[in-house]
N, C-alpha and C. Protein backbone atom coordinates (compact mmCIF):
# COMPACT_ATOMS: atom_id res chain seq x y z
N UNK A 1 0.84 -1.18 0.00
CA UNK A 1 0.00 0.00 0.00
C UNK A 1 0.89 1.24 0.00
N UNK A 2 0.57 2.19 -0.84
CA UNK A 2 1.32 3.43 -0.92
C UNK A 2 0.45 4.56 -0.39
N UNK A 3 1.00 5.32 0.51
CA UNK A 3 0.30 6.46 1.08
C UNK A 3 0.87 7.73 0.48
N UNK A 4 0.05 8.59 -0.10
CA UNK A 4 0.59 9.83 -0.67
C UNK A 4 1.06 10.77 0.44
N UNK A 5 2.16 11.43 0.16
CA UNK A 5 2.68 12.42 1.10
C UNK A 5 2.99 13.70 0.35
N UNK A 6 3.02 14.80 1.08
CA UNK A 6 3.45 16.08 0.54
C UNK A 6 4.58 16.58 1.43
N UNK A 7 5.43 17.39 0.84
CA UNK A 7 6.48 18.05 1.61
C UNK A 7 6.14 19.52 1.63
N UNK A 8 6.10 20.06 2.83
CA UNK A 8 5.76 21.48 3.00
C UNK A 8 6.69 22.07 4.04
N UNK A 9 6.58 23.38 4.25
CA UNK A 9 7.35 24.03 5.31
C UNK A 9 6.84 23.58 6.67
N UNK A 10 7.76 23.33 7.58
CA UNK A 10 7.39 23.05 8.97
C UNK A 10 6.96 24.36 9.61
N UNK A 11 5.87 24.33 10.35
CA UNK A 11 5.34 25.53 11.00
C UNK A 11 5.50 25.42 12.51
N UNK A 12 5.60 26.54 13.20
CA UNK A 12 5.73 26.48 14.66
C UNK A 12 4.62 25.68 15.33
N UNK A 13 3.40 25.76 14.79
CA UNK A 13 2.30 25.02 15.41
C UNK A 13 2.42 23.51 15.20
N UNK A 14 3.31 23.07 14.31
CA UNK A 14 3.54 21.63 14.12
C UNK A 14 4.35 21.01 15.27
N UNK A 15 5.11 21.83 15.98
CA UNK A 15 6.04 21.29 16.96
C UNK A 15 5.37 20.45 18.04
N UNK A 16 4.17 20.83 18.45
CA UNK A 16 3.48 20.06 19.49
C UNK A 16 3.14 18.65 19.02
N UNK A 17 3.15 18.43 17.70
CA UNK A 17 2.86 17.11 17.14
C UNK A 17 4.11 16.36 16.71
N UNK A 18 5.28 16.88 17.08
CA UNK A 18 6.55 16.27 16.68
C UNK A 18 7.33 15.71 17.85
N UNK A 19 6.63 15.37 18.93
CA UNK A 19 7.30 14.81 20.10
C UNK A 19 8.07 13.54 19.79
N UNK A 20 7.68 12.81 18.75
CA UNK A 20 8.36 11.60 18.33
C UNK A 20 9.78 11.88 17.83
N UNK A 21 10.09 13.14 17.47
CA UNK A 21 11.37 13.47 16.84
C UNK A 21 12.50 13.65 17.83
N UNK A 22 12.20 13.78 19.10
CA UNK A 22 13.25 13.97 20.09
C UNK A 22 12.71 14.56 21.38
N UNK A 23 13.62 14.88 22.25
CA UNK A 23 13.28 15.39 23.57
C UNK A 23 12.76 16.82 23.49
N UNK A 24 12.20 17.33 24.58
CA UNK A 24 11.81 18.75 24.60
C UNK A 24 12.98 19.68 24.28
N UNK A 25 14.19 19.30 24.68
CA UNK A 25 15.37 20.11 24.36
C UNK A 25 15.60 20.14 22.84
N UNK A 26 15.41 18.99 22.18
CA UNK A 26 15.54 18.94 20.72
C UNK A 26 14.46 19.82 20.07
N UNK A 27 13.24 19.72 20.55
CA UNK A 27 12.17 20.54 19.96
C UNK A 27 12.42 22.02 20.17
N UNK A 28 13.07 22.38 21.27
CA UNK A 28 13.45 23.78 21.48
C UNK A 28 14.49 24.21 20.44
N UNK A 29 15.40 23.30 20.09
CA UNK A 29 16.39 23.60 19.05
C UNK A 29 15.72 23.76 17.70
N UNK A 30 14.71 22.93 17.42
CA UNK A 30 13.95 23.06 16.17
C UNK A 30 13.23 24.42 16.15
N UNK A 31 12.62 24.79 17.26
CA UNK A 31 11.92 26.08 17.35
C UNK A 31 12.88 27.23 17.08
N UNK A 32 14.10 27.12 17.60
CA UNK A 32 15.10 28.16 17.36
C UNK A 32 15.44 28.25 15.87
N UNK A 33 15.56 27.10 15.21
CA UNK A 33 15.84 27.10 13.77
C UNK A 33 14.68 27.71 12.98
N UNK A 34 13.46 27.52 13.46
CA UNK A 34 12.31 28.11 12.77
C UNK A 34 12.37 29.64 12.78
N UNK A 35 13.00 30.24 13.78
CA UNK A 35 13.17 31.69 13.77
C UNK A 35 14.13 32.11 12.67
N UNK A 36 15.07 31.24 12.31
CA UNK A 36 16.01 31.51 11.23
C UNK A 36 15.34 31.39 9.86
N UNK A 37 14.24 30.65 9.79
CA UNK A 37 13.49 30.55 8.53
C UNK A 37 13.02 31.93 8.11
N UNK A 38 12.49 32.68 9.06
CA UNK A 38 11.97 34.02 8.74
C UNK A 38 13.07 34.93 8.20
N UNK A 39 14.32 34.70 8.62
CA UNK A 39 15.44 35.50 8.14
C UNK A 39 15.98 35.00 6.80
N UNK A 40 15.43 33.90 6.29
CA UNK A 40 15.88 33.36 5.01
C UNK A 40 17.16 32.55 5.08
N UNK A 41 17.61 32.24 6.29
CA UNK A 41 18.86 31.49 6.45
C UNK A 41 18.65 29.99 6.36
N UNK A 42 17.46 29.53 6.70
CA UNK A 42 17.17 28.11 6.82
C UNK A 42 15.82 27.82 6.17
N UNK A 43 15.72 26.64 5.56
CA UNK A 43 14.43 26.07 5.17
C UNK A 43 14.20 24.89 6.10
N UNK A 44 13.02 24.79 6.70
CA UNK A 44 12.69 23.65 7.56
C UNK A 44 11.47 22.97 6.97
N UNK A 45 11.60 21.69 6.65
CA UNK A 45 10.58 20.97 5.90
C UNK A 45 9.89 19.90 6.74
N UNK A 46 8.67 19.57 6.34
CA UNK A 46 7.90 18.49 6.95
C UNK A 46 7.32 17.62 5.86
N UNK A 47 7.45 16.31 6.02
CA UNK A 47 6.79 15.35 5.13
C UNK A 47 5.51 14.93 5.84
N UNK A 48 4.38 15.06 5.14
CA UNK A 48 3.09 14.81 5.76
C UNK A 48 2.20 13.93 4.89
N UNK A 49 1.52 12.95 5.51
CA UNK A 49 0.48 12.19 4.80
C UNK A 49 -0.78 13.05 4.73
N UNK A 50 -1.89 12.52 4.20
CA UNK A 50 -3.11 13.32 4.09
C UNK A 50 -3.62 13.93 5.40
N UNK A 51 -3.25 13.35 6.54
CA UNK A 51 -3.67 13.92 7.83
C UNK A 51 -3.07 15.30 8.07
N UNK A 52 -1.96 15.61 7.37
CA UNK A 52 -1.28 16.89 7.58
C UNK A 52 -0.29 16.87 8.72
N UNK A 53 -0.22 15.75 9.47
CA UNK A 53 0.70 15.65 10.60
C UNK A 53 2.10 15.29 10.12
N UNK A 54 3.12 16.00 10.55
CA UNK A 54 4.48 15.67 10.12
C UNK A 54 4.89 14.27 10.56
N UNK A 55 5.47 13.51 9.61
CA UNK A 55 6.00 12.18 9.92
C UNK A 55 7.50 12.12 9.64
N UNK A 56 8.05 13.18 9.08
CA UNK A 56 9.49 13.33 8.88
C UNK A 56 9.76 14.82 8.81
N UNK A 57 10.87 15.25 9.41
CA UNK A 57 11.22 16.67 9.39
C UNK A 57 12.73 16.81 9.17
N UNK A 58 13.12 17.95 8.66
CA UNK A 58 14.54 18.23 8.46
C UNK A 58 14.73 19.61 7.89
N UNK A 59 15.98 20.07 7.97
CA UNK A 59 16.27 21.45 7.59
C UNK A 59 17.46 21.54 6.65
N UNK A 60 17.54 22.70 6.01
CA UNK A 60 18.69 23.07 5.17
C UNK A 60 19.18 24.42 5.66
N UNK A 61 20.44 24.49 6.02
CA UNK A 61 21.07 25.75 6.41
C UNK A 61 21.80 26.29 5.19
N UNK A 62 21.45 27.51 4.78
CA UNK A 62 22.03 28.10 3.58
C UNK A 62 23.18 29.04 3.89
N UNK A 63 23.54 29.23 5.17
CA UNK A 63 24.61 30.17 5.51
C UNK A 63 25.75 29.54 6.30
N UNK A 64 25.55 28.38 6.89
CA UNK A 64 26.57 27.77 7.74
C UNK A 64 27.86 27.49 7.00
N UNK A 65 27.74 26.96 5.80
CA UNK A 65 28.91 26.63 4.98
C UNK A 65 28.76 27.36 3.64
N UNK A 66 29.59 28.35 3.40
CA UNK A 66 29.46 29.14 2.17
C UNK A 66 29.44 28.28 0.91
N UNK A 67 28.48 28.56 0.03
CA UNK A 67 28.41 27.90 -1.26
C UNK A 67 27.72 26.55 -1.27
N UNK A 68 27.24 26.08 -0.10
CA UNK A 68 26.54 24.79 -0.06
C UNK A 68 25.31 24.91 0.83
N UNK A 69 24.37 24.00 0.63
CA UNK A 69 23.24 23.87 1.53
C UNK A 69 23.54 22.70 2.46
N UNK A 70 23.53 22.96 3.76
CA UNK A 70 23.83 21.91 4.74
C UNK A 70 22.53 21.34 5.29
N UNK A 71 22.28 20.07 5.02
CA UNK A 71 21.11 19.39 5.55
C UNK A 71 21.39 18.99 7.00
N UNK A 72 20.39 19.19 7.87
CA UNK A 72 20.61 18.85 9.28
C UNK A 72 19.27 18.59 9.97
N UNK A 73 19.35 18.03 11.16
CA UNK A 73 18.18 17.68 11.98
C UNK A 73 17.17 16.84 11.20
N UNK A 74 17.65 15.91 10.39
CA UNK A 74 16.77 15.02 9.63
C UNK A 74 16.30 13.90 10.54
N UNK A 75 14.99 13.68 10.60
CA UNK A 75 14.46 12.59 11.42
C UNK A 75 13.12 12.13 10.83
N UNK A 76 12.94 10.82 10.83
CA UNK A 76 11.70 10.19 10.37
C UNK A 76 11.06 9.50 11.57
N UNK A 77 9.74 9.58 11.66
CA UNK A 77 9.02 8.91 12.73
C UNK A 77 9.51 7.47 12.83
N UNK A 78 9.88 7.00 14.02
CA UNK A 78 10.45 5.65 14.16
C UNK A 78 9.59 4.53 13.56
N UNK A 79 8.29 4.64 13.64
CA UNK A 79 7.41 3.59 13.11
C UNK A 79 7.35 3.58 11.59
N UNK A 80 7.88 4.64 10.95
CA UNK A 80 7.76 4.77 9.50
C UNK A 80 9.10 4.78 8.78
N UNK A 81 10.16 4.37 9.48
CA UNK A 81 11.47 4.33 8.84
C UNK A 81 11.50 3.21 7.80
N UNK A 82 12.35 3.38 6.80
CA UNK A 82 12.50 2.43 5.68
C UNK A 82 11.26 2.38 4.79
N UNK A 83 10.51 3.47 4.77
CA UNK A 83 9.33 3.56 3.88
C UNK A 83 9.54 4.60 2.78
N UNK A 84 10.75 5.14 2.65
CA UNK A 84 11.03 6.12 1.61
C UNK A 84 10.84 7.56 2.03
N UNK A 85 10.44 7.80 3.27
CA UNK A 85 10.19 9.18 3.71
C UNK A 85 11.47 9.99 3.82
N UNK A 86 12.55 9.36 4.28
CA UNK A 86 13.84 10.06 4.36
C UNK A 86 14.33 10.44 2.98
N UNK A 87 14.17 9.54 2.03
CA UNK A 87 14.57 9.84 0.66
C UNK A 87 13.75 11.00 0.11
N UNK A 88 12.47 10.99 0.37
CA UNK A 88 11.60 12.08 -0.10
C UNK A 88 11.99 13.41 0.55
N UNK A 89 12.28 13.38 1.85
CA UNK A 89 12.69 14.59 2.57
C UNK A 89 14.00 15.15 2.01
N UNK A 90 14.97 14.27 1.78
CA UNK A 90 16.26 14.73 1.26
C UNK A 90 16.10 15.29 -0.15
N UNK A 91 15.29 14.66 -0.99
CA UNK A 91 15.06 15.18 -2.34
C UNK A 91 14.47 16.58 -2.29
N UNK A 92 13.52 16.81 -1.39
CA UNK A 92 12.92 18.14 -1.26
C UNK A 92 13.94 19.15 -0.73
N UNK A 93 14.77 18.72 0.19
CA UNK A 93 15.81 19.62 0.73
C UNK A 93 16.82 19.98 -0.37
N UNK A 94 17.21 18.99 -1.16
CA UNK A 94 18.13 19.27 -2.27
C UNK A 94 17.51 20.23 -3.27
N UNK A 95 16.21 20.11 -3.50
CA UNK A 95 15.52 21.05 -4.39
C UNK A 95 15.64 22.48 -3.86
N UNK A 96 15.48 22.63 -2.55
CA UNK A 96 15.61 23.97 -1.95
C UNK A 96 17.03 24.51 -2.15
N UNK A 97 18.02 23.64 -2.08
CA UNK A 97 19.41 24.07 -2.29
C UNK A 97 19.59 24.54 -3.73
N UNK A 98 19.08 23.76 -4.69
CA UNK A 98 19.20 24.13 -6.10
C UNK A 98 18.49 25.45 -6.41
N UNK A 99 17.31 25.65 -5.80
CA UNK A 99 16.56 26.89 -6.02
C UNK A 99 17.39 28.11 -5.59
N UNK A 100 18.24 27.93 -4.61
CA UNK A 100 19.11 29.01 -4.15
C UNK A 100 20.32 29.21 -5.06
N UNK A 101 20.44 28.36 -6.08
CA UNK A 101 21.55 28.50 -7.01
C UNK A 101 22.84 27.85 -6.52
N UNK A 102 22.74 26.99 -5.53
CA UNK A 102 23.92 26.33 -4.99
C UNK A 102 24.10 24.97 -5.66
N UNK A 103 25.34 24.58 -5.88
CA UNK A 103 25.64 23.37 -6.62
C UNK A 103 25.92 22.15 -5.74
N UNK A 104 26.03 22.35 -4.43
CA UNK A 104 26.36 21.23 -3.54
C UNK A 104 25.47 21.22 -2.31
N UNK A 105 25.17 19.99 -1.87
CA UNK A 105 24.51 19.78 -0.58
C UNK A 105 25.47 18.98 0.28
N UNK A 106 25.46 19.25 1.58
CA UNK A 106 26.30 18.51 2.51
C UNK A 106 25.46 18.02 3.67
N UNK A 107 25.94 16.96 4.28
CA UNK A 107 25.29 16.40 5.46
C UNK A 107 26.36 15.78 6.33
N UNK A 108 26.18 15.88 7.64
CA UNK A 108 27.08 15.25 8.59
C UNK A 108 26.35 14.07 9.20
N UNK A 109 27.04 12.94 9.35
CA UNK A 109 26.42 11.76 9.91
C UNK A 109 27.35 11.19 10.99
N UNK A 110 26.76 10.86 12.13
CA UNK A 110 27.57 10.26 13.20
C UNK A 110 28.23 8.99 12.68
N UNK A 111 29.49 8.79 13.05
CA UNK A 111 30.25 7.67 12.51
C UNK A 111 29.64 6.32 12.85
N UNK A 112 28.88 6.22 13.94
CA UNK A 112 28.28 4.93 14.29
C UNK A 112 26.86 4.77 13.74
N UNK A 113 26.41 5.71 12.90
CA UNK A 113 25.06 5.63 12.32
C UNK A 113 25.15 5.06 10.90
N UNK A 114 25.45 3.77 10.82
CA UNK A 114 25.67 3.14 9.51
C UNK A 114 24.41 3.12 8.65
N UNK A 115 23.26 3.04 9.28
CA UNK A 115 22.01 3.02 8.51
C UNK A 115 21.80 4.33 7.77
N UNK A 116 21.98 5.46 8.45
CA UNK A 116 21.83 6.76 7.80
C UNK A 116 22.91 6.96 6.75
N UNK A 117 24.13 6.57 7.07
CA UNK A 117 25.22 6.74 6.10
C UNK A 117 24.93 5.94 4.82
N UNK A 118 24.41 4.74 4.96
CA UNK A 118 24.08 3.93 3.78
C UNK A 118 23.03 4.64 2.91
N UNK A 119 22.04 5.27 3.54
CA UNK A 119 21.04 6.03 2.79
C UNK A 119 21.71 7.18 2.04
N UNK A 120 22.54 7.95 2.73
CA UNK A 120 23.17 9.10 2.09
C UNK A 120 24.07 8.66 0.93
N UNK A 121 24.79 7.57 1.11
CA UNK A 121 25.63 7.07 0.02
C UNK A 121 24.77 6.61 -1.15
N UNK A 122 23.67 5.94 -0.87
CA UNK A 122 22.76 5.49 -1.94
C UNK A 122 22.23 6.70 -2.72
N UNK A 123 22.07 7.83 -2.04
CA UNK A 123 21.55 9.04 -2.68
C UNK A 123 22.65 9.88 -3.34
N UNK A 124 23.89 9.39 -3.30
CA UNK A 124 24.97 10.07 -4.02
C UNK A 124 25.91 10.90 -3.17
N UNK A 125 25.78 10.88 -1.87
CA UNK A 125 26.69 11.64 -1.01
C UNK A 125 28.00 10.87 -0.84
N UNK A 126 29.11 11.62 -0.82
CA UNK A 126 30.43 11.03 -0.72
C UNK A 126 31.15 11.65 0.48
N UNK A 127 31.77 10.80 1.28
CA UNK A 127 32.51 11.27 2.45
C UNK A 127 33.75 12.04 2.00
N UNK A 128 34.04 13.15 2.71
CA UNK A 128 35.23 13.92 2.38
C UNK A 128 36.03 14.32 3.62
N UNK A 129 35.59 13.92 4.80
CA UNK A 129 36.32 14.26 6.01
C UNK A 129 35.53 13.89 7.25
N UNK A 130 36.03 14.30 8.39
CA UNK A 130 35.31 14.07 9.64
C UNK A 130 35.58 15.23 10.58
N UNK A 131 34.71 15.36 11.57
CA UNK A 131 34.84 16.47 12.52
C UNK A 131 34.16 16.09 13.83
N UNK A 132 34.73 16.54 14.96
CA UNK A 132 34.06 16.33 16.24
C UNK A 132 32.88 17.29 16.36
N UNK A 133 31.79 16.81 16.94
CA UNK A 133 30.61 17.65 17.18
C UNK A 133 30.07 17.34 18.57
N UNK A 134 29.27 18.24 19.08
CA UNK A 134 28.67 18.01 20.39
C UNK A 134 27.42 18.83 20.55
N UNK A 135 26.53 18.35 21.39
CA UNK A 135 25.30 19.07 21.70
C UNK A 135 24.78 18.58 23.04
N UNK A 136 23.86 19.35 23.60
CA UNK A 136 23.25 18.97 24.87
C UNK A 136 22.06 18.07 24.60
N UNK A 137 21.93 17.02 25.42
CA UNK A 137 20.81 16.09 25.31
C UNK A 137 20.09 16.03 26.64
N UNK A 138 18.77 15.95 26.56
CA UNK A 138 17.95 15.82 27.76
C UNK A 138 17.71 14.35 28.05
N UNK A 139 17.93 13.95 29.29
CA UNK A 139 17.68 12.56 29.70
C UNK A 139 16.23 12.41 30.14
N UNK A 140 15.79 11.18 30.31
CA UNK A 140 14.41 10.92 30.69
C UNK A 140 14.08 11.52 32.06
N UNK A 141 15.08 11.69 32.92
CA UNK A 141 14.83 12.27 34.23
C UNK A 141 14.82 13.80 34.22
N UNK A 142 14.99 14.40 33.02
CA UNK A 142 14.96 15.85 32.90
C UNK A 142 16.33 16.50 32.98
N UNK A 143 17.35 15.76 33.39
CA UNK A 143 18.70 16.33 33.45
C UNK A 143 19.25 16.47 32.03
N UNK A 144 20.25 17.31 31.91
CA UNK A 144 20.86 17.57 30.61
C UNK A 144 22.32 17.15 30.68
N UNK A 145 22.75 16.47 29.64
CA UNK A 145 24.14 16.04 29.55
C UNK A 145 24.71 16.43 28.19
N UNK A 146 26.00 16.58 28.14
CA UNK A 146 26.67 16.93 26.88
C UNK A 146 26.99 15.65 26.12
N UNK A 147 26.63 15.61 24.84
CA UNK A 147 26.90 14.47 23.98
C UNK A 147 27.99 14.86 23.00
N UNK A 148 29.06 14.11 22.96
CA UNK A 148 30.18 14.38 22.06
C UNK A 148 30.37 13.17 21.15
N UNK A 149 30.60 13.42 19.86
CA UNK A 149 30.81 12.34 18.91
C UNK A 149 31.65 12.87 17.75
N UNK A 150 31.89 12.00 16.79
CA UNK A 150 32.59 12.39 15.56
C UNK A 150 31.64 12.12 14.41
N UNK A 151 31.55 13.07 13.50
CA UNK A 151 30.70 12.93 12.33
C UNK A 151 31.54 12.83 11.06
N UNK A 152 31.06 12.01 10.14
CA UNK A 152 31.61 11.97 8.79
C UNK A 152 30.93 13.07 8.00
N UNK A 153 31.72 13.87 7.31
CA UNK A 153 31.20 14.96 6.48
C UNK A 153 31.00 14.41 5.07
N UNK A 154 29.81 14.62 4.52
CA UNK A 154 29.48 14.09 3.20
C UNK A 154 28.97 15.19 2.29
N UNK A 155 29.27 15.06 1.02
CA UNK A 155 28.89 16.09 0.05
C UNK A 155 28.35 15.44 -1.22
N UNK A 156 27.42 16.17 -1.86
CA UNK A 156 26.86 15.72 -3.12
C UNK A 156 26.78 16.90 -4.08
N UNK A 157 27.27 16.70 -5.30
CA UNK A 157 27.09 17.72 -6.33
C UNK A 157 25.69 17.56 -6.89
N UNK A 158 24.95 18.65 -6.93
CA UNK A 158 23.57 18.61 -7.40
C UNK A 158 23.51 18.92 -8.88
N UNK A 159 22.73 18.14 -9.63
CA UNK A 159 22.63 18.38 -11.08
C UNK A 159 21.86 19.67 -11.37
């Protein structure tokens, strides 16, 4: 069975329906990125079935790395992974990069996230380096801890 989906801009009022995407701290980070949408620095997208509820979300930063669109905060509802939603989200994000006249898209993937890396490679992304990254994560008890990891940097030339 195939369910039709549309890709649209993520709206602030969608956030209350995106609890599946991460902790309240993560949703606060998404809300912060939505303020950058108004400034034209970021596009934040939502993949939605006919219900209109987001089932995958992700963003493109057009200013972080000069000359490229950096895809980030990509997440698909856990119950709907491996259904093509991530591929659809990335295709829409790449379209936004091309509309800006940029020839490359980049994405960072944690080195131990082989499933995501396999998707990005299947979609034409090629590793070109690595970098340490870190962010704050909220635990189930409400405490916050710093998460540090290494990401593989990947790039794709857009046609």
